[in-house]
Amino acid sequence: SVTVLVNIHNIYLKFVLT
């Protein structure tokens, strides 16, 4: 679902931006 994709994307960004 969209919510799951958004959560995964947010986690991905957290790792990338860190």
C-alpha atoms as a PDB file:
ATOM      1  CA  SER A   1       0.000   0.000   0.000  1.00  0.00           C
ATOM      2  CA  VAL A   2       0.997   3.640  -0.289  1.00  0.00           C
ATOM      3  CA  THR A   3       1.596   4.021   3.457  1.00  0.00           C
ATOM      4  CA  VAL A   4       4.108   1.180   3.473  1.00  0.00           C
ATOM      5  CA  LEU A   5       5.948   2.665   0.511  1.00  0.00           C
ATOM      6  CA  VAL A   6       6.101   6.061   2.194  1.00  0.00           C
ATOM      7  CA  ASN A   7       7.470   4.523   5.402  1.00  0.00           C
ATOM      8  CA  ILE A   8      10.137   2.610   3.491  1.00  0.00           C
ATOM      9  CA  HIS A   9      11.042   5.743   1.554  1.00  0.00           C
ATOM     10  CA  ASN A  10      11.352   7.783   4.763  1.00  0.00           C
ATOM     11  CA  ILE A  11      13.623   5.151   6.333  1.00  0.00           C
ATOM     12  CA  TYR A  12      15.704   5.076   3.165  1.00  0.00           C
ATOM     13  CA  LEU A  13      16.092   8.858   3.221  1.00  0.00           C
ATOM     14  CA  LYS A  14      17.116   8.765   6.888  1.00  0.00           C
ATOM     15  CA  PHE A  15      19.967   6.408   6.061  1.00  0.00           C
ATOM     16  CA  VAL A  16      20.992   8.360   2.968  1.00  0.00           C
ATOM     17  CA  LEU A  17      20.883  11.784   4.624  1.00  0.00           C
ATOM     18  CA  THR A  18      22.753  10.647   7.753  1.00  0.00           C
END
